[in-house]
Structure formats: C-alpha cells, structure tokens
Amino acid sequence: SHSIAASRGYEDGENIPVDEMIEECRRIVAATSLPVSADLEGG
C-alpha cells in the first residue's frame, strides 16, 4: 500500500482514495496468472 500510494503521489496512511487503490490492484491482478494478495491498510 505504501508503494502504490507513493507512486500516485500520496503519503502512506489511507490518504489514497480507496477506489484508486482498488484500481491499481485490478491492473496488477489482470497482468498475472498468479494469486494476488493486496495490502489494504486498515480498510
């Protein structure tokens, strides 16, 4: 989560909007056949 937030210009600590975080997770899932676990901070 820290890295995704930083790559999009946000400080860590749930400052990134949840839909932006989920969208990046979607892109990552779509790019691989491996199982993906997401760091979703405190929810």
Full PDB file with SEQRES, HELIX, SHEET, SSBOND, CRYST1, ORIGX, SCALE, CONECT and MASTER records, all heavy atoms in Angstrom:
SEQRES   1 A   43  SER HIS SER ILE ALA ALA SER ARG GLY TYR GLU ASP GLY          
SEQRES   2 A   43  GLU ASN ILE PRO VAL ASP GLU MET ILE GLU GLU CYS ARG          
SEQRES   3 A   43  ARG ILE VAL ALA ALA THR SER LEU PRO VAL SER ALA ASP          
SEQRES   4 A   43  LEU GLU GLY GLY                                              
HELIX    1 AA1 HIS A    2  SER A    7  1                                   6    
HELIX    2 AA2 VAL A   18  ALA A   30  1                                  13    
CRYST1    1.000    1.000    1.000  90.00  90.00  90.00 P 1           1          
ORIGX1      1.000000  0.000000  0.000000        0.00000                         
ORIGX2      0.000000  1.000000  0.000000        0.00000                         
ORIGX3      0.000000  0.000000  1.000000        0.00000                         
SCALE1      1.000000  0.000000  0.000000        0.00000                         
SCALE2      0.000000  1.000000  0.000000        0.00000                         
SCALE3      0.000000  0.000000  1.000000        0.00000                         
ATOM      1  N   SER A   1       0.826  -1.210   0.000  1.00  0.00           N  
ATOM      2  CA  SER A   1       0.000   0.000   0.000  1.00  0.00           C  
ATOM      3  C   SER A   1       0.860   1.259   0.000  1.00  0.00           C  
ATOM      4  O   SER A   1       0.559   2.238  -0.694  1.00  0.00           O  
ATOM      5  CB  SER A   1      -0.947  -0.003   1.206  1.00  0.00           C  
ATOM      6  OG  SER A   1      -0.224   0.016   2.421  1.00  0.00           O  
ATOM      7  N   HIS A   2       1.927   1.246   0.789  1.00  0.00           N  
ATOM      8  CA  HIS A   2       2.832   2.400   0.847  1.00  0.00           C  
ATOM      9  C   HIS A   2       3.362   2.718  -0.542  1.00  0.00           C  
ATOM     10  O   HIS A   2       3.392   3.886  -0.967  1.00  0.00           O  
ATOM     11  CB  HIS A   2       3.979   2.079   1.808  1.00  0.00           C  
ATOM     12  CG  HIS A   2       4.931   3.205   2.045  1.00  0.00           C  
ATOM     13  ND1 HIS A   2       5.180   3.718   3.299  1.00  0.00           N  
ATOM     14  CD2 HIS A   2       5.713   3.914   1.202  1.00  0.00           C  
ATOM     15  CE1 HIS A   2       6.060   4.700   3.216  1.00  0.00           C  
ATOM     16  NE2 HIS A   2       6.405   4.836   1.955  1.00  0.00           N  
ATOM     17  N   SER A   3       3.776   1.683  -1.270  1.00  0.00           N  
ATOM     18  CA  SER A   3       4.390   1.867  -2.580  1.00  0.00           C  
ATOM     19  C   SER A   3       3.378   2.333  -3.616  1.00  0.00           C  
ATOM     20  O   SER A   3       3.688   3.190  -4.456  1.00  0.00           O  
ATOM     21  CB  SER A   3       5.049   0.561  -3.028  1.00  0.00           C  
ATOM     22  OG  SER A   3       6.025   0.144  -2.090  1.00  0.00           O  
ATOM     23  N   ILE A   4       2.172   1.757  -3.584  1.00  0.00           N  
ATOM     24  CA  ILE A   4       1.139   2.204  -4.522  1.00  0.00           C  
ATOM     25  C   ILE A   4       0.789   3.661  -4.259  1.00  0.00           C  
ATOM     26  O   ILE A   4       0.690   4.477  -5.189  1.00  0.00           O  
ATOM     27  CB  ILE A   4      -0.107   1.302  -4.426  1.00  0.00           C  
ATOM     28  CG1 ILE A   4       0.199  -0.088  -4.999  1.00  0.00           C  
ATOM     29  CG2 ILE A   4      -1.283   1.931  -5.185  1.00  0.00           C  
ATOM     30  CD1 ILE A   4      -0.948  -1.079  -4.863  1.00  0.00           C  
ATOM     31  N   ALA A   5       0.603   4.010  -3.005  1.00  0.00           N  
ATOM     32  CA  ALA A   5       0.288   5.394  -2.671  1.00  0.00           C  
ATOM     33  C   ALA A   5       1.394   6.337  -3.143  1.00  0.00           C  
ATOM     34  O   ALA A   5       1.122   7.380  -3.763  1.00  0.00           O  
ATOM     35  CB  ALA A   5       0.069   5.525  -1.167  1.00  0.00           C  
ATOM     36  N   ALA A   6       2.646   5.976  -2.876  1.00  0.00           N  
ATOM     37  CA  ALA A   6       3.772   6.826  -3.262  1.00  0.00           C  
ATOM     38  C   ALA A   6       3.836   7.008  -4.779  1.00  0.00           C  
ATOM     39  O   ALA A   6       4.112   8.107  -5.272  1.00  0.00           O  
ATOM     40  CB  ALA A   6       5.074   6.234  -2.753  1.00  0.00           C  
ATOM     41  N   SER A   7       3.567   5.931  -5.523  1.00  0.00           N  
ATOM     42  CA  SER A   7       3.646   6.013  -6.982  1.00  0.00           C  
ATOM     43  C   SER A   7       2.565   6.918  -7.552  1.00  0.00           C  
ATOM     44  O   SER A   7       2.689   7.410  -8.673  1.00  0.00           O  
ATOM     45  CB  SER A   7       3.545   4.613  -7.597  1.00  0.00           C  
ATOM     46  OG  SER A   7       2.222   4.091  -7.472  1.00  0.00           O  
ATOM     47  N   ARG A   8       1.511   7.149  -6.771  1.00  0.00           N  
ATOM     48  CA  ARG A   8       0.408   8.016  -7.219  1.00  0.00           C  
ATOM     49  C   ARG A   8       0.414   9.375  -6.510  1.00  0.00           C  
ATOM     50  O   ARG A   8      -0.530  10.150  -6.636  1.00  0.00           O  
ATOM     51  CB  ARG A   8      -0.927   7.307  -6.994  1.00  0.00           C  
ATOM     52  CG  ARG A   8      -1.138   6.152  -7.970  1.00  0.00           C  
ATOM     53  CD  ARG A   8      -2.415   5.372  -7.691  1.00  0.00           C  
ATOM     54  NE  ARG A   8      -2.671   4.425  -8.757  1.00  0.00           N  
ATOM     55  CZ  ARG A   8      -3.686   4.513  -9.625  1.00  0.00           C  
ATOM     56  NH1 ARG A   8      -4.522   5.534  -9.547  1.00  0.00           N  
ATOM     57  NH2 ARG A   8      -3.854   3.605 -10.562  1.00  0.00           N  
ATOM     58  N   GLY A   9       1.468   9.646  -5.754  1.00  0.00           N  
ATOM     59  CA  GLY A   9       1.633  10.966  -5.163  1.00  0.00           C  
ATOM     60  C   GLY A   9       0.985  11.176  -3.814  1.00  0.00           C  
ATOM     61  O   GLY A   9       0.806  12.319  -3.379  1.00  0.00           O  
ATOM     62  N   TYR A  10       0.673  10.088  -3.113  1.00  0.00           N  
ATOM     63  CA  TYR A  10       0.032  10.193  -1.802  1.00  0.00           C  
ATOM     64  C   TYR A  10       0.980   9.747  -0.699  1.00  0.00           C  
ATOM     65  O   TYR A  10       1.803   8.852  -0.892  1.00  0.00           O  
ATOM     66  CB  TYR A  10      -1.222   9.315  -1.731  1.00  0.00           C  
ATOM     67  CG  TYR A  10      -2.315   9.687  -2.690  1.00  0.00           C  
ATOM     68  CD1 TYR A  10      -2.456   9.000  -3.900  1.00  0.00           C  
ATOM     69  CD2 TYR A  10      -3.227  10.697  -2.396  1.00  0.00           C  
ATOM     70  CE1 TYR A  10      -3.472   9.329  -4.792  1.00  0.00           C  
ATOM     71  CE2 TYR A  10      -4.253  11.020  -3.288  1.00  0.00           C  
ATOM     72  CZ  TYR A  10      -4.362  10.338  -4.479  1.00  0.00           C  
ATOM     73  OH  TYR A  10      -5.370  10.649  -5.356  1.00  0.00           O  
ATOM     74  N   GLU A  11       0.825  10.343   0.472  1.00  0.00           N  
ATOM     75  CA  GLU A  11       1.502   9.850   1.661  1.00  0.00           C  
ATOM     76  C   GLU A  11       0.828   8.556   2.112  1.00  0.00           C  
ATOM     77  O   GLU A  11      -0.369   8.342   1.884  1.00  0.00           O  
ATOM     78  CB  GLU A  11       1.432  10.882   2.789  1.00  0.00           C  
ATOM     79  CG  GLU A  11       2.232  12.146   2.528  1.00  0.00           C  
ATOM     80  CD  GLU A  11       3.721  11.900   2.501  1.00  0.00           C  
ATOM     81  OE1 GLU A  11       4.209  11.069   3.302  1.00  0.00           O  
ATOM     82  OE2 GLU A  11       4.409  12.541   1.679  1.00  0.00           O  
ATOM     83  N   ASP A  12       1.600   7.686   2.755  1.00  0.00           N  
ATOM     84  CA  ASP A  12       1.048   6.457   3.312  1.00  0.00           C  
ATOM     85  C   ASP A  12       0.062   6.791   4.436  1.00  0.00           C  
ATOM     86  O   ASP A  12       0.084   7.892   4.985  1.00  0.00           O  
ATOM     87  CB  ASP A  12       2.185   5.586   3.856  1.00  0.00           C  
ATOM     88  CG  ASP A  12       1.745   4.182   4.205  1.00  0.00           C  
ATOM     89  OD1 ASP A  12       0.796   3.671   3.589  1.00  0.00           O  
ATOM     90  OD2 ASP A  12       2.364   3.594   5.118  1.00  0.00           O  
ATOM     91  N   GLY A  13      -0.807   5.857   4.764  1.00  0.00           N  
ATOM     92  CA  GLY A  13      -1.720   6.052   5.881  1.00  0.00           C  
ATOM     93  C   GLY A  13      -3.147   6.337   5.460  1.00  0.00           C  
ATOM     94  O   GLY A  13      -3.820   7.201   6.027  1.00  0.00           O  
ATOM     95  N   GLU A  14      -3.617   5.629   4.425  1.00  0.00           N  
ATOM     96  CA  GLU A  14      -5.002   5.739   3.945  1.00  0.00           C  
ATOM     97  C   GLU A  14      -5.321   7.116   3.369  1.00  0.00           C  
ATOM     98  O   GLU A  14      -6.462   7.574   3.404  1.00  0.00           O  
ATOM     99  CB  GLU A  14      -6.005   5.346   5.037  1.00  0.00           C  
ATOM    100  CG  GLU A  14      -5.819   3.918   5.514  1.00  0.00           C  
ATOM    101  CD  GLU A  14      -6.968   3.394   6.360  1.00  0.00           C  
ATOM    102  OE1 GLU A  14      -7.918   4.139   6.625  1.00  0.00           O  
ATOM    103  OE2 GLU A  14      -6.897   2.210   6.740  1.00  0.00           O  
ATOM    104  N   ASN A  15      -4.303   7.795   2.825  1.00  0.00           N  
ATOM    105  CA  ASN A  15      -4.529   9.071   2.141  1.00  0.00           C  
ATOM    106  C   ASN A  15      -4.967   8.870   0.693  1.00  0.00           C  
ATOM    107  O   ASN A  15      -5.622   9.735   0.118  1.00  0.00           O  
ATOM    108  CB  ASN A  15      -3.268   9.928   2.194  1.00  0.00           C  
ATOM    109  CG  ASN A  15      -3.001  10.464   3.583  1.00  0.00           C  
ATOM    110  OD1 ASN A  15      -3.776  11.260   4.112  1.00  0.00           O  
ATOM    111  ND2 ASN A  15      -1.915  10.013   4.202  1.00  0.00           N  
ATOM    112  N   ILE A  16      -4.600   7.746   0.102  1.00  0.00           N  
ATOM    113  CA  ILE A  16      -5.040   7.446  -1.254  1.00  0.00           C  
ATOM    114  C   ILE A  16      -6.521   7.059  -1.219  1.00  0.00           C  
ATOM    115  O   ILE A  16      -6.947   6.298  -0.350  1.00  0.00           O  
ATOM    116  CB  ILE A  16      -4.188   6.304  -1.866  1.00  0.00           C  
ATOM    117  CG1 ILE A  16      -4.576   6.049  -3.323  1.00  0.00           C  
ATOM    118  CG2 ILE A  16      -4.285   5.024  -1.039  1.00  0.00           C  
ATOM    119  CD1 ILE A  16      -3.635   5.074  -4.032  1.00  0.00           C  
ATOM    120  N   PRO A  17      -7.341   7.561  -2.139  1.00  0.00           N  
ATOM    121  CA  PRO A  17      -8.740   7.127  -2.179  1.00  0.00           C  
ATOM    122  C   PRO A  17      -8.834   5.626  -2.420  1.00  0.00           C  
ATOM    123  O   PRO A  17      -8.061   5.059  -3.207  1.00  0.00           O  
ATOM    124  CB  PRO A  17      -9.322   7.921  -3.361  1.00  0.00           C  
ATOM    125  CG  PRO A  17      -8.440   9.130  -3.471  1.00  0.00           C  
ATOM    126  CD  PRO A  17      -7.066   8.648  -3.105  1.00  0.00           C  
ATOM    127  N   VAL A  18      -9.765   4.992  -1.758  1.00  0.00           N  
ATOM    128  CA  VAL A  18      -9.857   3.533  -1.829  1.00  0.00           C  
ATOM    129  C   VAL A  18     -10.049   3.054  -3.262  1.00  0.00           C  
ATOM    130  O   VAL A  18      -9.505   2.016  -3.656  1.00  0.00           O  
ATOM    131  CB  VAL A  18     -10.978   3.013  -0.900  1.00  0.00           C  
ATOM    132  CG1 VAL A  18     -12.348   3.529  -1.334  1.00  0.00           C  
ATOM    133  CG2 VAL A  18     -10.973   1.485  -0.861  1.00  0.00           C  
ATOM    134  N   ASP A  19     -10.810   3.788  -4.064  1.00  0.00           N  
ATOM    135  CA  ASP A  19     -11.054   3.333  -5.432  1.00  0.00           C  
ATOM    136  C   ASP A  19      -9.782   3.384  -6.274  1.00  0.00           C  
ATOM    137  O   ASP A  19      -9.610   2.556  -7.180  1.00  0.00           O  
ATOM    138  CB  ASP A  19     -12.159   4.167  -6.087  1.00  0.00           C  
ATOM    139  CG  ASP A  19     -13.541   3.852  -5.515  1.00  0.00           C  
ATOM    140  OD1 ASP A  19     -13.687   2.778  -4.886  1.00  0.00           O  
ATOM    141  OD2 ASP A  19     -14.460   4.670  -5.689  1.00  0.00           O  
ATOM    142  N   GLU A  20      -8.873   4.309  -5.987  1.00  0.00           N  
ATOM    143  CA  GLU A  20      -7.581   4.321  -6.680  1.00  0.00           C  
ATOM    144  C   GLU A  20      -6.755   3.107  -6.285  1.00  0.00           C  
ATOM    145  O   GLU A  20      -6.089   2.488  -7.117  1.00  0.00           O  
ATOM    146  CB  GLU A  20      -6.814   5.606  -6.379  1.00  0.00           C  
ATOM    147  CG  GLU A  20      -7.276   6.822  -7.151  1.00  0.00           C  
ATOM    148  CD  GLU A  20      -6.259   7.938  -7.123  1.00  0.00           C  
ATOM    149  OE1 GLU A  20      -5.064   7.679  -7.393  1.00  0.00           O  
ATOM    150  OE2 GLU A  20      -6.654   9.078  -6.834  1.00  0.00           O  
ATOM    151  N   MET A  21      -6.776   2.783  -5.001  1.00  0.00           N  
ATOM    152  CA  MET A  21      -6.031   1.610  -4.538  1.00  0.00           C  
ATOM    153  C   MET A  21      -6.586   0.337  -5.186  1.00  0.00           C  
ATOM    154  O   MET A  21      -5.828  -0.516  -5.679  1.00  0.00           O  
ATOM    155  CB  MET A  21      -6.113   1.513  -3.018  1.00  0.00           C  
ATOM    156  CG  MET A  21      -5.346   0.336  -2.433  1.00  0.00           C  
ATOM    157  SD  MET A  21      -3.560   0.427  -2.704  1.00  0.00           S  
ATOM    158  CE  MET A  21      -3.116   1.681  -1.490  1.00  0.00           C  
ATOM    159  N   ILE A  22      -7.894   0.197  -5.207  1.00  0.00           N  
ATOM    160  CA  ILE A  22      -8.505  -0.998  -5.791  1.00  0.00           C  
ATOM    161  C   ILE A  22      -8.234  -1.068  -7.289  1.00  0.00           C  
ATOM    162  O   ILE A  22      -7.995  -2.152  -7.839  1.00  0.00           O  
ATOM    163  CB  ILE A  22     -10.019  -1.016  -5.507  1.00  0.00           C  
ATOM    164  CG1 ILE A  22     -10.291  -1.128  -3.994  1.00  0.00           C  
ATOM    165  CG2 ILE A  22     -10.699  -2.169  -6.248  1.00  0.00           C  
ATOM    166  CD1 ILE A  22      -9.790  -2.397  -3.351  1.00  0.00           C  
ATOM    167  N   GLU A  23      -8.258   0.074  -7.964  1.00  0.00           N  
ATOM    168  CA  GLU A  23      -7.992   0.084  -9.410  1.00  0.00           C  
ATOM    169  C   GLU A  23      -6.579  -0.397  -9.713  1.00  0.00           C  
ATOM    170  O   GLU A  23      -6.364  -1.163 -10.664  1.00  0.00           O  
ATOM    171  CB  GLU A  23      -8.215   1.479  -9.982  1.00  0.00           C  
ATOM    172  CG  GLU A  23      -7.769   1.666 -11.429  1.00  0.00           C  
ATOM    173  CD  GLU A  23      -8.464   0.746 -12.435  1.00  0.00           C  
ATOM    174  OE1 GLU A  23      -9.514   0.150 -12.100  1.00  0.00           O  
ATOM    175  OE2 GLU A  23      -7.938   0.621 -13.564  1.00  0.00           O  
ATOM    176  N   GLU A  24      -5.598   0.021  -8.909  1.00  0.00           N  
ATOM    177  CA  GLU A  24      -4.239  -0.461  -9.143  1.00  0.00           C  
ATOM    178  C   GLU A  24      -4.154  -1.958  -8.889  1.00  0.00           C  
ATOM    179  O   GLU A  24      -3.468  -2.692  -9.620  1.00  0.00           O  
ATOM    180  CB  GLU A  24      -3.243   0.288  -8.267  1.00  0.00           C  
ATOM    181  CG  GLU A  24      -1.814   0.158  -8.721  1.00  0.00           C  
ATOM    182  CD  GLU A  24      -1.581   0.716 -10.119  1.00  0.00           C  
ATOM    183  OE1 GLU A  24      -1.769   1.933 -10.328  1.00  0.00           O  
ATOM    184  OE2 GLU A  24      -1.219  -0.088 -11.010  1.00  0.00           O  
ATOM    185  N   CYS A  25      -4.856  -2.438  -7.875  1.00  0.00           N  
ATOM    186  CA  CYS A  25      -4.892  -3.877  -7.617  1.00  0.00           C  
ATOM    187  C   CYS A  25      -5.510  -4.617  -8.800  1.00  0.00           C  
ATOM    188  O   CYS A  25      -5.042  -5.695  -9.185  1.00  0.00           O  
ATOM    189  CB  CYS A  25      -5.688  -4.166  -6.345  1.00  0.00           C  
ATOM    190  SG  CYS A  25      -4.898  -3.590  -4.827  1.00  0.00           S  
ATOM    191  N   ARG A  26      -6.561  -4.049  -9.375  1.00  0.00           N  
ATOM    192  CA  ARG A  26      -7.210  -4.675 -10.536  1.00  0.00           C  
ATOM    193  C   ARG A  26      -6.217  -4.827 -11.690  1.00  0.00           C  
ATOM    194  O   ARG A  26      -6.147  -5.882 -12.336  1.00  0.00           O  
ATOM    195  CB  ARG A  26      -8.411  -3.839 -10.995  1.00  0.00           C  
ATOM    196  CG  ARG A  26      -9.185  -4.469 -12.165  1.00  0.00           C  
ATOM    197  CD  ARG A  26     -10.101  -3.478 -12.837  1.00  0.00           C  
ATOM    198  NE  ARG A  26      -9.361  -2.404 -13.509  1.00  0.00           N  
ATOM    199  CZ  ARG A  26      -8.744  -2.550 -14.676  1.00  0.00           C  
ATOM    200  NH1 ARG A  26      -8.752  -3.718 -15.318  1.00  0.00           N  
ATOM    201  NH2 ARG A  26      -8.099  -1.530 -15.218  1.00  0.00           N  
ATOM    202  N   ARG A  27      -5.455  -3.781 -11.951  1.00  0.00           N  
ATOM    203  CA  ARG A  27      -4.481  -3.823 -13.039  1.00  0.00           C  
ATOM    204  C   ARG A  27      -3.419  -4.896 -12.788  1.00  0.00           C  
ATOM    205  O   ARG A  27      -3.010  -5.615 -13.703  1.00  0.00           O  
ATOM    206  CB  ARG A  27      -3.811  -2.455 -13.202  1.00  0.00           C  
ATOM    207  CG  ARG A  27      -4.731  -1.359 -13.726  1.00  0.00           C  
ATOM    208  CD  ARG A  27      -4.046   0.002 -13.674  1.00  0.00           C  
ATOM    209  NE  ARG A  27      -4.884   1.053 -14.190  1.00  0.00           N  
ATOM    210  CZ  ARG A  27      -4.915   1.448 -15.464  1.00  0.00           C  
ATOM    211  NH1 ARG A  27      -4.132   0.859 -16.335  1.00  0.00           N  
ATOM    212  NH2 ARG A  27      -5.713   2.428 -15.845  1.00  0.00           N  
ATOM    213  N   ILE A  28      -2.982  -4.995 -11.550  1.00  0.00           N  
ATOM    214  CA  ILE A  28      -1.973  -5.995 -11.204  1.00  0.00           C  
ATOM    215  C   ILE A  28      -2.534  -7.404 -11.358  1.00  0.00           C  
ATOM    216  O   ILE A  28      -1.897  -8.293 -11.939  1.00  0.00           O  
ATOM    217  CB  ILE A  28      -1.450  -5.745  -9.779  1.00  0.00           C  
ATOM    218  CG1 ILE A  28      -0.616  -4.453  -9.760  1.00  0.00           C  
ATOM    219  CG2 ILE A  28      -0.627  -6.931  -9.269  1.00  0.00           C  
ATOM    220  CD1 ILE A  28      -0.294  -3.940  -8.372  1.00  0.00           C  
ATOM    221  N   VAL A  29      -3.737  -7.635 -10.859  1.00  0.00           N  
ATOM    222  CA  VAL A  29      -4.372  -8.950 -10.994  1.00  0.00           C  
ATOM    223  C   VAL A  29      -4.494  -9.342 -12.460  1.00  0.00           C  
ATOM    224  O   VAL A  29      -4.227 -10.487 -12.847  1.00  0.00           O  
ATOM    225  CB  VAL A  29      -5.763  -8.956 -10.321  1.00  0.00           C  
ATOM    226  CG1 VAL A  29      -6.542 -10.207 -10.697  1.00  0.00           C  
ATOM    227  CG2 VAL A  29      -5.620  -8.857  -8.804  1.00  0.00           C  
ATOM    228  N   ALA A  30      -4.897  -8.384 -13.301  1.00  0.00           N  
ATOM    229  CA  ALA A  30      -5.107  -8.667 -14.722  1.00  0.00           C  
ATOM    230  C   ALA A  30      -3.809  -8.956 -15.462  1.00  0.00           C  
ATOM    231  O   ALA A  30      -3.826  -9.557 -16.542  1.00  0.00           O  
ATOM    232  CB  ALA A  30      -5.827  -7.493 -15.384  1.00  0.00           C  
ATOM    233  N   ALA A  31      -2.674  -8.552 -14.866  1.00  0.00           N  
ATOM    234  CA  ALA A  31      -1.387  -8.690 -15.540  1.00  0.00           C  
ATOM    235  C   ALA A  31      -0.683 -10.007 -15.238  1.00  0.00           C  
ATOM    236  O   ALA A  31       0.399 -10.257 -15.759  1.00  0.00           O  
ATOM    237  CB  ALA A  31      -0.469  -7.534 -15.150  1.00  0.00           C  
ATOM    238  N   THR A  32      -1.285 -10.858 -14.401  1.00  0.00           N  
ATOM    239  CA  THR A  32      -0.601 -12.081 -13.974  1.00  0.00           C  
ATOM    240  C   THR A  32      -1.582 -13.237 -13.835  1.00  0.00           C  
ATOM    241  O   THR A  32      -2.782 -13.023 -13.667  1.00  0.00           O  
ATOM    242  CB  THR A  32       0.113 -11.852 -12.618  1.00  0.00           C  
ATOM    243  OG1 THR A  32       0.797 -13.041 -12.222  1.00  0.00           O  
ATOM    244  CG2 THR A  32      -0.884 -11.466 -11.530  1.00  0.00           C  
ATOM    245  N   SER A  33      -1.054 -14.428 -13.887  1.00  0.00           N  
ATOM    246  CA  SER A  33      -1.865 -15.622 -13.605  1.00  0.00           C  
ATOM    247  C   SER A  33      -1.656 -16.094 -12.168  1.00  0.00           C  
ATOM    248  O   SER A  33      -2.293 -17.061 -11.736  1.00  0.00           O  
ATOM    249  CB  SER A  33      -1.496 -16.752 -14.577  1.00  0.00           C  
ATOM    250  OG  SER A  33      -0.123 -17.105 -14.434  1.00  0.00           O  
ATOM    251  N   LEU A  34      -0.787 -15.409 -11.421  1.00  0.00           N  
ATOM    252  CA  LEU A  34      -0.504 -15.796 -10.045  1.00  0.00           C  
ATOM    253  C   LEU A  34      -1.564 -15.221  -9.104  1.00  0.00           C  
ATOM    254  O   LEU A  34      -2.170 -14.190  -9.389  1.00  0.00           O  
ATOM    255  CB  LEU A  34       0.871 -15.275  -9.618  1.00  0.00           C  
ATOM    256  CG  LEU A  34       2.077 -15.811 -10.383  1.00  0.00           C  
ATOM    257  CD1 LEU A  34       3.345 -15.116  -9.908  1.00  0.00           C  
ATOM    258  CD2 LEU A  34       2.195 -17.315 -10.227  1.00  0.00           C  
ATOM    259  N   PRO A  35      -1.787 -15.860  -7.954  1.00  0.00           N  
ATOM    260  CA  PRO A  35      -2.685 -15.270  -6.965  1.00  0.00           C  
ATOM    261  C   PRO A  35      -2.098 -13.982  -6.407  1.00  0.00           C  
ATOM    262  O   PRO A  35      -0.888 -13.876  -6.215  1.00  0.00           O  
ATOM    263  CB  PRO A  35      -2.795 -16.356  -5.885  1.00  0.00           C  
ATOM    264  CG  PRO A  35      -1.588 -17.213  -6.056  1.00  0.00           C  
ATOM    265  CD  PRO A  35      -1.245 -17.162  -7.501  1.00  0.00           C  
ATOM    266  N   VAL A  36      -2.969 -13.007  -6.146  1.00  0.00           N  
ATOM    267  CA  VAL A  36      -2.535 -11.699  -5.669  1.00  0.00           C  
ATOM    268  C   VAL A  36      -3.193 -11.384  -4.332  1.00  0.00           C  
ATOM    269  O   VAL A  36      -4.413 -11.478  -4.181  1.00  0.00           O  
ATOM    270  CB  VAL A  36      -2.880 -10.583  -6.677  1.00  0.00           C  
ATOM    271  CG1 VAL A  36      -2.506  -9.216  -6.111  1.00  0.00           C  
ATOM    272  CG2 VAL A  36      -2.172 -10.822  -8.009  1.00  0.00           C  
ATOM    273  N   SER A  37      -2.356 -11.004  -3.368  1.00  0.00           N  
ATOM    274  CA  SER A  37      -2.820 -10.504  -2.080  1.00  0.00           C  
ATOM    275  C   SER A  37      -2.582  -8.999  -2.064  1.00  0.00           C  
ATOM    276  O   SER A  37      -1.545  -8.526  -2.543  1.00  0.00           O  
ATOM    277  CB  SER A  37      -2.051 -11.172  -0.936  1.00  0.00           C  
ATOM    278  OG  SER A  37      -2.462 -10.659   0.317  1.00  0.00           O  
ATOM    279  N   ALA A  38      -3.529  -8.242  -1.526  1.00  0.00           N  
ATOM    280  CA  ALA A  38      -3.433  -6.781  -1.534  1.00  0.00           C  
ATOM    281  C   ALA A  38      -3.256  -6.245  -0.122  1.00  0.00           C  
ATOM    282  O   ALA A  38      -3.917  -6.702   0.810  1.00  0.00           O  
ATOM    283  CB  ALA A  38      -4.689  -6.173  -2.159  1.00  0.00           C  
ATOM    284  N   ASP A  39      -2.374  -5.281   0.011  1.00  0.00           N  
ATOM    285  CA  ASP A  39      -2.225  -4.554   1.272  1.00  0.00           C  
ATOM    286  C   ASP A  39      -3.261  -3.427   1.260  1.00  0.00           C  
ATOM    287  O   ASP A  39      -3.157  -2.490   0.465  1.00  0.00           O  
ATOM    288  CB  ASP A  39      -0.810  -3.994   1.377  1.00  0.00           C  
ATOM    289  CG  ASP A  39      -0.569  -3.221   2.660  1.00  0.00           C  
ATOM    290  OD1 ASP A  39      -1.530  -3.041   3.438  1.00  0.00           O  
ATOM    291  OD2 ASP A  39       0.578  -2.800   2.877  1.00  0.00           O  
ATOM    292  N   LEU A  40      -4.248  -3.526   2.123  1.00  0.00           N  
ATOM    293  CA  LEU A  40      -5.356  -2.568   2.128  1.00  0.00           C  
ATOM    294  C   LEU A  40      -5.406  -1.775   3.428  1.00  0.00           C  
ATOM    295  O   LEU A  40      -6.488  -1.378   3.886  1.00  0.00           O  
ATOM    296  CB  LEU A  40      -6.668  -3.305   1.858  1.00  0.00           C  
ATOM    297  CG  LEU A  40      -6.718  -3.957   0.465  1.00  0.00           C  
ATOM    298  CD1 LEU A  40      -7.965  -4.818   0.309  1.00  0.00           C  
ATOM    299  CD2 LEU A  40      -6.646  -2.913  -0.644  1.00  0.00           C  
ATOM    300  N   GLU A  41      -4.226  -1.549   4.025  1.00  0.00           N  
ATOM    301  CA  GLU A  41      -4.085  -0.716   5.220  1.00  0.00           C  
ATOM    302  C   GLU A  41      -5.102  -1.130   6.288  1.00  0.00           C  
ATOM    303  O   GLU A  41      -5.223  -2.299   6.613  1.00  0.00           O  
ATOM    304  CB  GLU A  41      -4.169   0.760   4.837  1.00  0.00           C  
ATOM    305  CG  GLU A  41      -3.124   1.143   3.793  1.00  0.00           C  
ATOM    306  CD  GLU A  41      -2.961   2.610   3.602  1.00  0.00           C  
ATOM    307  OE1 GLU A  41      -2.460   3.283   4.532  1.00  0.00           O  
ATOM    308  OE2 GLU A  41      -3.309   3.108   2.510  1.00  0.00           O  
ATOM    309  N   GLY A  42      -5.876  -0.174   6.819  1.00  0.00           N  
ATOM    310  CA  GLY A  42      -6.860  -0.507   7.847  1.00  0.00           C  
ATOM    311  C   GLY A  42      -8.257  -0.710   7.305  1.00  0.00           C  
ATOM    312  O   GLY A  42      -9.212  -0.843   8.077  1.00  0.00           O  
ATOM    313  N   GLY A  43      -8.393  -0.700   5.962  1.00  0.00           N  
ATOM    314  CA  GLY A  43      -9.700  -0.922   5.360  1.00  0.00           C  
ATOM    315  C   GLY A  43     -10.400   0.333   4.895  1.00  0.00           C  
ATOM    316  O   GLY A  43     -11.541   0.284   4.443  1.00  0.00           O  
TER     317      GLY A  43                                                      
MASTER        0    0    0    2    0    0    0    6  316    1    0    4          
END                                                                             
